[in-house]
Amino acid sequence: MTLIRAHGVHKTYRTQDGEVETLKPLDFDIRAGEFVSVVGPSGCGKSTLMKMVAGLLPISGGELELSGKAVRGPQTDVGIVFQSALLLPWRRVIDNILLQAEIRKLPMAPARQRAQALIEMAGLAGFEQKYPWQLSGGMQQRVAILRALLHDPSVLLMDEPFGALDAMTRERMNLELQRIWLTAKKTVLLITHSIPEAIFLSDRVFVMSERPGRIVQVYDIALPRPRPLDVMGTEAFAGYARRLRAHFYAQGQLDAH
């Protein structure tokens, strides 16, 4: 079943110097339960695309649908995770997660039960009463992911969620995100600069061109799941990495790592 559908979706900004095209017309479908990553050069419109799917930015034209309905305005059936965990420093872990319920005015008793279940799923049991400054960067991002999942959205949108982490923590978080995704069965759209991360996590990878961005290639990642980290050392993984990198070398720009 198609959960996210885009047909001829484009984005243009009006400036003092005239109209600036950010995204050329895009056509894609993302199926329910699918993990899709978007890679491309800085400034190509990846984050703009994510914000349009979330309904935080209006599209300039075309058709964009979520669960069969046109996206017009902020969507309630999505969870969003940004590069920074954006946790409130004066609130404990459990209360940072429950912030989602407070904002959405959800019944607190079932929300608290779900928050506890999510905490246990993510291996954070025992840290409920800790403050953000008492957690590692990876643990803070786990809390941010759980906050985004609290209201049980169909879609999880992630904009460079591990970009600020060191390499080893990032790999552990890739494993953790895969486990959470396999358990929670959400549809995930991940924006990333990391080609290995995109290959490791995804069912499909969308490759975007330089600005104005367009989808120049879609790769199906046919690696068995669950994927251990040592899959990155296989020839199949290296083959995908070579093909994805070739796009950026051809454009004369490679900021993906």
C-alpha atoms as a PDB file:
ATOM      1  CA  MET A   1       0.000   0.000   0.000  1.00  0.00           C
ATOM      2  CA  THR A   2       1.329   3.443  -0.956  1.00  0.00           C
ATOM      3  CA  LEU A   3       1.522   5.726   2.075  1.00  0.00           C
ATOM      4  CA  ILE A   4       3.303   8.775   0.618  1.00  0.00           C
ATOM      5  CA  ARG A   5       2.706   9.775  -2.998  1.00  0.00           C
ATOM      6  CA  ALA A   6       4.228  12.688  -4.913  1.00  0.00           C
ATOM      7  CA  HIS A   7       3.330  13.605  -8.483  1.00  0.00           C
ATOM      8  CA  GLY A   8       4.972  16.631 -10.078  1.00  0.00           C
ATOM      9  CA  VAL A   9       5.717  18.150  -6.649  1.00  0.00           C
ATOM     10  CA  HIS A  10       7.998  21.175  -6.893  1.00  0.00           C
ATOM     11  CA  LYS A  11       9.058  24.091  -4.719  1.00  0.00           C
ATOM     12  CA  THR A  12       9.826  27.676  -5.667  1.00  0.00           C
ATOM     13  CA  TYR A  13      10.641  30.530  -3.294  1.00  0.00           C
ATOM     14  CA  ARG A  14       9.846  34.152  -4.026  1.00  0.00           C
ATOM     15  CA  THR A  15      12.733  36.503  -3.243  1.00  0.00           C
ATOM     16  CA  GLN A  16      13.542  40.155  -3.909  1.00  0.00           C
ATOM     17  CA  ASP A  17      15.466  39.028  -6.974  1.00  0.00           C
ATOM     18  CA  GLY A  18      12.574  36.942  -8.313  1.00  0.00           C
ATOM     19  CA  GLU A  19      11.578  33.319  -8.044  1.00  0.00           C
ATOM     20  CA  VAL A  20      14.186  30.741  -7.016  1.00  0.00           C
ATOM     21  CA  GLU A  21      13.520  27.119  -7.907  1.00  0.00           C
ATOM     22  CA  THR A  22      14.519  24.800  -5.038  1.00  0.00           C
ATOM     23  CA  LEU A  23      13.008  21.502  -6.159  1.00  0.00           C
ATOM     24  CA  LYS A  24      12.233  20.447  -9.698  1.00  0.00           C
ATOM     25  CA  PRO A  25       9.081  18.314 -10.162  1.00  0.00           C
ATOM     26  CA  LEU A  26       9.371  15.094  -8.164  1.00  0.00           C
ATOM     27  CA  ASP A  27       7.493  11.841  -8.673  1.00  0.00           C
ATOM     28  CA  PHE A  28       7.744   9.023  -6.134  1.00  0.00           C
ATOM     29  CA  ASP A  29       5.763   6.560  -4.041  1.00  0.00           C
ATOM     30  CA  ILE A  30       6.737   5.274  -0.597  1.00  0.00           C
ATOM     31  CA  ARG A  31       5.010   2.129   0.587  1.00  0.00           C
ATOM     32  CA  ALA A  32       3.681   1.532   4.098  1.00  0.00           C
ATOM     33  CA  GLY A  33       6.400   0.061   6.312  1.00  0.00           C
ATOM     34  CA  GLU A  34       9.196   0.992   3.892  1.00  0.00           C
ATOM     35  CA  PHE A  35      12.502   2.577   4.928  1.00  0.00           C
ATOM     36  CA  VAL A  36      13.595   5.164   2.361  1.00  0.00           C
ATOM     37  CA  SER A  37      16.685   7.384   2.552  1.00  0.00           C
ATOM     38  CA  VAL A  38      17.368  10.541   0.546  1.00  0.00           C
ATOM     39  CA  VAL A  39      20.977  11.482  -0.221  1.00  0.00           C
ATOM     40  CA  GLY A  40      22.281  14.454  -2.148  1.00  0.00           C
ATOM     41  CA  PRO A  41      24.632  17.458  -2.032  1.00  0.00           C
ATOM     42  CA  SER A  42      24.179  20.159   0.584  1.00  0.00           C
ATOM     43  CA  GLY A  43      21.486  22.642  -0.396  1.00  0.00           C
ATOM     44  CA  CYS A  44      19.788  20.360  -2.915  1.00  0.00           C
ATOM     45  CA  GLY A  45      16.414  20.517  -1.151  1.00  0.00           C
ATOM     46  CA  LYS A  46      16.428  17.306   0.930  1.00  0.00           C
ATOM     47  CA  SER A  47      15.204  19.010   4.094  1.00  0.00           C
ATOM     48  CA  THR A  48      12.704  21.047   2.082  1.00  0.00           C
ATOM     49  CA  LEU A  49      11.253  17.790   0.763  1.00  0.00           C
ATOM     50  CA  MET A  50      10.917  16.394   4.284  1.00  0.00           C
ATOM     51  CA  LYS A  51       9.214  19.558   5.542  1.00  0.00           C
ATOM     52  CA  MET A  52       6.744  19.429   2.657  1.00  0.00           C
ATOM     53  CA  VAL A  53       5.829  15.824   3.493  1.00  0.00           C
ATOM     54  CA  ALA A  54       5.292  16.926   7.115  1.00  0.00           C
ATOM     55  CA  GLY A  55       3.091  19.799   5.920  1.00  0.00           C
ATOM     56  CA  LEU A  56       5.435  22.375   7.469  1.00  0.00           C
ATOM     57  CA  LEU A  57       6.155  23.948   4.059  1.00  0.00           C
ATOM     58  CA  PRO A  58       3.544  24.328   1.304  1.00  0.00           C
ATOM     59  CA  ILE A  59       4.275  22.817  -2.078  1.00  0.00           C
ATOM     60  CA  SER A  60       4.411  25.199  -5.045  1.00  0.00           C
ATOM     61  CA  GLY A  61       2.677  22.775  -7.384  1.00  0.00           C
ATOM     62  CA  GLY A  62       1.876  19.166  -8.107  1.00  0.00           C
ATOM     63  CA  GLU A  63       0.158  16.634  -5.858  1.00  0.00           C
ATOM     64  CA  LEU A  64       1.442  15.368  -2.503  1.00  0.00           C
ATOM     65  CA  GLU A  65      -0.575  12.809  -0.554  1.00  0.00           C
ATOM     66  CA  LEU A  66      -0.199  11.097   2.811  1.00  0.00           C
ATOM     67  CA  SER A  67      -2.450   8.102   3.493  1.00  0.00           C
ATOM     68  CA  GLY A  68      -4.508   8.980   0.426  1.00  0.00           C
ATOM     69  CA  LYS A  69      -5.207  12.572   1.501  1.00  0.00           C
ATOM     70  CA  ALA A  70      -3.671  15.763   0.126  1.00  0.00           C
ATOM     71  CA  VAL A  71      -1.039  17.280   2.406  1.00  0.00           C
ATOM     72  CA  ARG A  72      -2.271  20.742   3.341  1.00  0.00           C
ATOM     73  CA  GLY A  73      -0.872  22.127   6.569  1.00  0.00           C
ATOM     74  CA  PRO A  74       0.917  20.327   9.419  1.00  0.00           C
ATOM     75  CA  GLN A  75       0.225  16.593   9.514  1.00  0.00           C
ATOM     76  CA  THR A  76      -0.803  14.826  12.718  1.00  0.00           C
ATOM     77  CA  ASP A  77       0.200  11.355  11.493  1.00  0.00           C
ATOM     78  CA  VAL A  78       3.949  12.015  11.350  1.00  0.00           C
ATOM     79  CA  GLY A  79       6.773  12.059  13.884  1.00  0.00           C
ATOM     80  CA  ILE A  80       9.832  14.232  13.231  1.00  0.00           C
ATOM     81  CA  VAL A  81      13.417  13.799  14.450  1.00  0.00           C
ATOM     82  CA  PHE A  82      15.989  16.526  13.771  1.00  0.00           C
ATOM     83  CA  GLN A  83      19.809  16.549  13.865  1.00  0.00           C
ATOM     84  CA  SER A  84      19.743  17.941  17.388  1.00  0.00           C
ATOM     85  CA  ALA A  85      17.758  15.994  19.965  1.00  0.00           C
ATOM     86  CA  LEU A  86      16.098  19.272  21.095  1.00  0.00           C
ATOM     87  CA  LEU A  87      15.376  17.925  24.571  1.00  0.00           C
ATOM     88  CA  LEU A  88      14.257  20.363  27.264  1.00  0.00           C
ATOM     89  CA  PRO A  89      17.144  20.415  29.786  1.00  0.00           C
ATOM     90  CA  TRP A  90      14.890  20.956  32.809  1.00  0.00           C
ATOM     91  CA  ARG A  91      12.706  17.931  32.023  1.00  0.00           C
ATOM     92  CA  ARG A  92      13.575  14.322  32.805  1.00  0.00           C
ATOM     93  CA  VAL A  93      13.641  11.634  30.087  1.00  0.00           C
ATOM     94  CA  ILE A  94      10.069  10.469  30.698  1.00  0.00           C
ATOM     95  CA  ASP A  95       8.772  14.046  30.714  1.00  0.00           C
ATOM     96  CA  ASN A  96      10.625  14.948  27.512  1.00  0.00           C
ATOM     97  CA  ILE A  97       8.907  12.022  25.797  1.00  0.00           C
ATOM     98  CA  LEU A  98       5.524  12.963  27.282  1.00  0.00           C
ATOM     99  CA  LEU A  99       5.892  16.510  25.906  1.00  0.00           C
ATOM    100  CA  GLN A 100       4.409  15.100  22.687  1.00  0.00           C
ATOM    101  CA  ALA A 101       1.259  14.052  24.565  1.00  0.00           C
ATOM    102  CA  GLU A 102       0.968  17.446  26.265  1.00  0.00           C
ATOM    103  CA  ILE A 103       1.256  19.352  22.976  1.00  0.00           C
ATOM    104  CA  ARG A 104      -1.307  17.089  21.291  1.00  0.00           C
ATOM    105  CA  LYS A 105      -3.552  17.033  24.385  1.00  0.00           C
ATOM    106  CA  LEU A 106      -3.571  13.226  24.514  1.00  0.00           C
ATOM    107  CA  PRO A 107      -4.892  11.350  27.571  1.00  0.00           C
ATOM    108  CA  MET A 108      -1.907  11.206  29.925  1.00  0.00           C
ATOM    109  CA  ALA A 109      -2.444   7.796  31.536  1.00  0.00           C
ATOM    110  CA  PRO A 110      -2.251   5.760  28.281  1.00  0.00           C
ATOM    111  CA  ALA A 111       0.485   8.102  26.996  1.00  0.00           C
ATOM    112  CA  ARG A 112       2.576   7.365  30.088  1.00  0.00           C
ATOM    113  CA  GLN A 113       2.075   3.619  29.577  1.00  0.00           C
ATOM    114  CA  ARG A 114       3.133   3.884  25.932  1.00  0.00           C
ATOM    115  CA  ALA A 115       6.146   6.024  26.871  1.00  0.00           C
ATOM    116  CA  GLN A 116       7.286   3.362  29.326  1.00  0.00           C
ATOM    117  CA  ALA A 117       6.856   0.625  26.716  1.00  0.00           C
ATOM    118  CA  LEU A 118       8.900   2.664  24.211  1.00  0.00           C
ATOM    119  CA  ILE A 119      11.608   3.298  26.806  1.00  0.00           C
ATOM    120  CA  GLU A 120      11.937  -0.442  27.401  1.00  0.00           C
ATOM    121  CA  MET A 121      11.949  -1.146  23.652  1.00  0.00           C
ATOM    122  CA  ALA A 122      14.832   1.303  23.179  1.00  0.00           C
ATOM    123  CA  GLY A 123      16.889  -0.083  26.063  1.00  0.00           C
ATOM    124  CA  LEU A 124      16.502   3.039  28.205  1.00  0.00           C
ATOM    125  CA  ALA A 125      14.808   1.404  31.192  1.00  0.00           C
ATOM    126  CA  GLY A 126      16.309   2.842  34.369  1.00  0.00           C
ATOM    127  CA  PHE A 127      16.957   6.240  32.753  1.00  0.00           C
ATOM    128  CA  GLU A 128      13.396   7.565  33.011  1.00  0.00           C
ATOM    129  CA  GLN A 129      14.291  10.078  35.746  1.00  0.00           C
ATOM    130  CA  LYS A 130      17.594  11.253  34.252  1.00  0.00           C
ATOM    131  CA  TYR A 131      18.048  14.716  32.801  1.00  0.00           C
ATOM    132  CA  PRO A 132      19.372  15.197  29.223  1.00  0.00           C
ATOM    133  CA  TRP A 133      22.779  16.373  30.480  1.00  0.00           C
ATOM    134  CA  GLN A 134      23.173  12.992  32.214  1.00  0.00           C
ATOM    135  CA  LEU A 135      22.839  11.116  28.889  1.00  0.00           C
ATOM    136  CA  SER A 136      25.261  10.461  26.033  1.00  0.00           C
ATOM    137  CA  GLY A 137      24.546  11.996  22.626  1.00  0.00           C
ATOM    138  CA  GLY A 138      23.280   8.673  21.309  1.00  0.00           C
ATOM    139  CA  MET A 139      20.934   8.219  24.269  1.00  0.00           C
ATOM    140  CA  GLN A 140      19.591  11.749  23.806  1.00  0.00           C
ATOM    141  CA  GLN A 141      18.755  10.970  20.191  1.00  0.00           C
ATOM    142  CA  ARG A 142      17.015   7.763  21.278  1.00  0.00           C
ATOM    143  CA  VAL A 143      14.822   9.860  23.569  1.00  0.00           C
ATOM    144  CA  ALA A 144      14.065  12.200  20.639  1.00  0.00           C
ATOM    145  CA  ILE A 145      13.049   9.219  18.489  1.00  0.00           C
ATOM    146  CA  LEU A 146      10.763   7.897  21.248  1.00  0.00           C
ATOM    147  CA  ARG A 147       9.167  11.334  21.623  1.00  0.00           C
ATOM    148  CA  ALA A 148       8.444  11.291  17.876  1.00  0.00           C
ATOM    149  CA  LEU A 149       6.877   7.814  18.173  1.00  0.00           C
ATOM    150  CA  LEU A 150       4.737   8.497  21.251  1.00  0.00           C
ATOM    151  CA  HIS A 151       1.537   9.382  19.363  1.00  0.00           C
ATOM    152  CA  ASP A 152       1.963   6.269  17.172  1.00  0.00           C
ATOM    153  CA  PRO A 153       2.354   8.020  13.794  1.00  0.00           C
ATOM    154  CA  SER A 154       2.378   6.106  10.533  1.00  0.00           C
ATOM    155  CA  VAL A 155       5.441   7.998   9.272  1.00  0.00           C
ATOM    156  CA  LEU A 156       8.742   8.853  10.945  1.00  0.00           C
ATOM    157  CA  LEU A 157      10.598  11.726   9.254  1.00  0.00           C
ATOM    158  CA  MET A 158      14.280  12.037  10.173  1.00  0.00           C
ATOM    159  CA  ASP A 159      16.533  14.921   9.113  1.00  0.00           C
ATOM    160  CA  GLU A 160      20.212  13.993   9.650  1.00  0.00           C
ATOM    161  CA  PRO A 161      19.412  12.579  13.115  1.00  0.00           C
ATOM    162  CA  PHE A 162      22.913  11.193  13.708  1.00  0.00           C
ATOM    163  CA  GLY A 163      24.975  13.850  11.936  1.00  0.00           C
ATOM    164  CA  ALA A 164      26.352  15.334  15.154  1.00  0.00           C
ATOM    165  CA  LEU A 165      27.473  11.988  16.639  1.00  0.00           C
ATOM    166  CA  ASP A 166      30.947  10.463  16.455  1.00  0.00           C
ATOM    167  CA  ALA A 167      31.457   7.619  13.979  1.00  0.00           C
ATOM    168  CA  MET A 168      31.235   4.739  16.464  1.00  0.00           C
ATOM    169  CA  THR A 169      28.138   6.126  18.202  1.00  0.00           C
ATOM    170  CA  ARG A 170      26.573   6.731  14.794  1.00  0.00           C
ATOM    171  CA  GLU A 171      27.060   3.074  13.834  1.00  0.00           C
ATOM    172  CA  ARG A 172      25.474   1.938  17.099  1.00  0.00           C
ATOM    173  CA  MET A 173      22.555   4.275  16.467  1.00  0.00           C
ATOM    174  CA  ASN A 174      22.143   2.858  12.964  1.00  0.00           C
ATOM    175  CA  LEU A 175      21.766  -0.583  14.538  1.00  0.00           C
ATOM    176  CA  GLU A 176      19.376   0.817  17.130  1.00  0.00           C
ATOM    177  CA  LEU A 177      17.246   2.605  14.521  1.00  0.00           C
ATOM    178  CA  GLN A 178      17.054  -0.578  12.444  1.00  0.00           C
ATOM    179  CA  ARG A 179      15.876  -2.503  15.510  1.00  0.00           C
ATOM    180  CA  ILE A 180      13.295   0.136  16.435  1.00  0.00           C
ATOM    181  CA  TRP A 181      12.043   0.245  12.839  1.00  0.00           C
ATOM    182  CA  LEU A 182      11.733  -3.542  12.625  1.00  0.00           C
ATOM    183  CA  THR A 183       9.844  -3.568  15.950  1.00  0.00           C
ATOM    184  CA  ALA A 184       7.624  -0.514  15.478  1.00  0.00           C
ATOM    185  CA  LYS A 185       6.895  -1.213  11.783  1.00  0.00           C
ATOM    186  CA  LYS A 186       6.806   2.469  10.840  1.00  0.00           C
ATOM    187  CA  THR A 187       7.364   4.045   7.443  1.00  0.00           C
ATOM    188  CA  VAL A 188      10.636   6.000   7.620  1.00  0.00           C
ATOM    189  CA  LEU A 189      11.919   8.803   5.392  1.00  0.00           C
ATOM    190  CA  LEU A 190      15.536   9.544   6.358  1.00  0.00           C
ATOM    191  CA  ILE A 191      17.546  12.536   5.125  1.00  0.00           C
ATOM    192  CA  THR A 192      21.271  11.820   5.337  1.00  0.00           C
ATOM    193  CA  HIS A 193      24.640  12.839   3.886  1.00  0.00           C
ATOM    194  CA  SER A 194      26.106   9.438   4.726  1.00  0.00           C
ATOM    195  CA  ILE A 195      26.058   6.961   1.851  1.00  0.00           C
ATOM    196  CA  PRO A 196      26.949   3.969   4.104  1.00  0.00           C
ATOM    197  CA  GLU A 197      24.166   4.934   6.519  1.00  0.00           C
ATOM    198  CA  ALA A 198      21.629   5.160   3.688  1.00  0.00           C
ATOM    199  CA  ILE A 199      22.624   1.759   2.291  1.00  0.00           C
ATOM    200  CA  PHE A 200      22.721   0.058   5.693  1.00  0.00           C
ATOM    201  CA  LEU A 201      19.277   1.245   6.792  1.00  0.00           C
ATOM    202  CA  SER A 202      17.208   1.464   3.638  1.00  0.00           C
ATOM    203  CA  ASP A 203      14.940  -0.574   1.433  1.00  0.00           C
ATOM    204  CA  ARG A 204      15.412   2.118  -1.211  1.00  0.00           C
ATOM    205  CA  VAL A 205      17.704   5.132  -1.616  1.00  0.00           C
ATOM    206  CA  PHE A 206      16.671   8.254  -3.539  1.00  0.00           C
ATOM    207  CA  VAL A 207      19.657  10.100  -5.028  1.00  0.00           C
ATOM    208  CA  MET A 208      19.130  13.814  -5.598  1.00  0.00           C
ATOM    209  CA  SER A 209      20.964  16.217  -7.889  1.00  0.00           C
ATOM    210  CA  GLU A 210      22.438  19.597  -7.020  1.00  0.00           C
ATOM    211  CA  ARG A 211      20.002  22.459  -6.519  1.00  0.00           C
ATOM    212  CA  PRO A 212      17.404  22.757  -7.894  1.00  0.00           C
ATOM    213  CA  GLY A 213      17.047  19.200  -6.637  1.00  0.00           C
ATOM    214  CA  ARG A 214      15.499  16.357  -8.550  1.00  0.00           C
ATOM    215  CA  ILE A 215      15.567  12.606  -8.027  1.00  0.00           C
ATOM    216  CA  VAL A 216      18.128  11.299 -10.522  1.00  0.00           C
ATOM    217  CA  GLN A 217      18.168   7.647  -9.436  1.00  0.00           C
ATOM    218  CA  VAL A 218      16.407   5.221  -7.099  1.00  0.00           C
ATOM    219  CA  TYR A 219      18.316   2.199  -5.798  1.00  0.00           C
ATOM    220  CA  ASP A 220      16.680  -0.893  -4.332  1.00  0.00           C
ATOM    221  CA  ILE A 221      18.913  -2.223  -1.541  1.00  0.00           C
ATOM    222  CA  ALA A 222      18.622  -6.006  -1.711  1.00  0.00           C
ATOM    223  CA  LEU A 223      20.512  -6.874   1.485  1.00  0.00           C
ATOM    224  CA  PRO A 224      18.909  -9.350   3.929  1.00  0.00           C
ATOM    225  CA  ARG A 225      17.541  -8.107   7.265  1.00  0.00           C
ATOM    226  CA  PRO A 226      18.303  -7.680  10.059  1.00  0.00           C
ATOM    227  CA  ARG A 227      21.635  -6.277   8.896  1.00  0.00           C
ATOM    228  CA  PRO A 228      24.700  -6.588  11.138  1.00  0.00           C
ATOM    229  CA  LEU A 229      27.394  -3.916  10.919  1.00  0.00           C
ATOM    230  CA  ASP A 230      29.789  -6.322   9.207  1.00  0.00           C
ATOM    231  CA  VAL A 231      27.525  -6.259   6.130  1.00  0.00           C
ATOM    232  CA  MET A 232      29.387  -3.012   5.372  1.00  0.00           C
ATOM    233  CA  GLY A 233      32.460  -5.104   4.571  1.00  0.00           C
ATOM    234  CA  THR A 234      30.747  -7.195   1.903  1.00  0.00           C
ATOM    235  CA  GLU A 235      31.204  -6.795  -1.829  1.00  0.00           C
ATOM    236  CA  ALA A 236      27.458  -6.283  -2.298  1.00  0.00           C
ATOM    237  CA  PHE A 237      27.525  -3.305   0.097  1.00  0.00           C
ATOM    238  CA  ALA A 238      30.647  -1.883  -1.583  1.00  0.00           C
ATOM    239  CA  GLY A 239      28.941  -2.201  -4.966  1.00  0.00           C
ATOM    240  CA  TYR A 240      25.998  -0.065  -3.833  1.00  0.00           C
ATOM    241  CA  ALA A 241      28.405   2.496  -2.326  1.00  0.00           C
ATOM    242  CA  ARG A 242      30.380   2.757  -5.569  1.00  0.00           C
ATOM    243  CA  ARG A 243      27.239   3.332  -7.612  1.00  0.00           C
ATOM    244  CA  LEU A 244      25.860   5.997  -5.273  1.00  0.00           C
ATOM    245  CA  ARG A 245      29.185   7.831  -5.018  1.00  0.00           C
ATOM    246  CA  ALA A 246      29.512   7.853  -8.796  1.00  0.00           C
ATOM    247  CA  HIS A 247      26.554  10.260  -8.985  1.00  0.00           C
ATOM    248  CA  PHE A 248      28.283  12.815  -6.770  1.00  0.00           C
ATOM    249  CA  TYR A 249      31.674  12.468  -8.460  1.00  0.00           C
ATOM    250  CA  ALA A 250      29.917  12.987 -11.792  1.00  0.00           C
ATOM    251  CA  GLN A 251      28.429  16.228 -10.431  1.00  0.00           C
ATOM    252  CA  GLY A 252      31.856  17.307  -9.203  1.00  0.00           C
ATOM    253  CA  GLN A 253      30.652  17.476  -5.633  1.00  0.00           C
ATOM    254  CA  LEU A 254      30.896  14.875  -2.890  1.00  0.00           C
ATOM    255  CA  ASP A 255      30.051  15.912   0.639  1.00  0.00           C
ATOM    256  CA  ALA A 256      28.596  12.512   1.494  1.00  0.00           C
ATOM    257  CA  HIS A 257      30.903  10.392   3.624  1.00  0.00           C
END
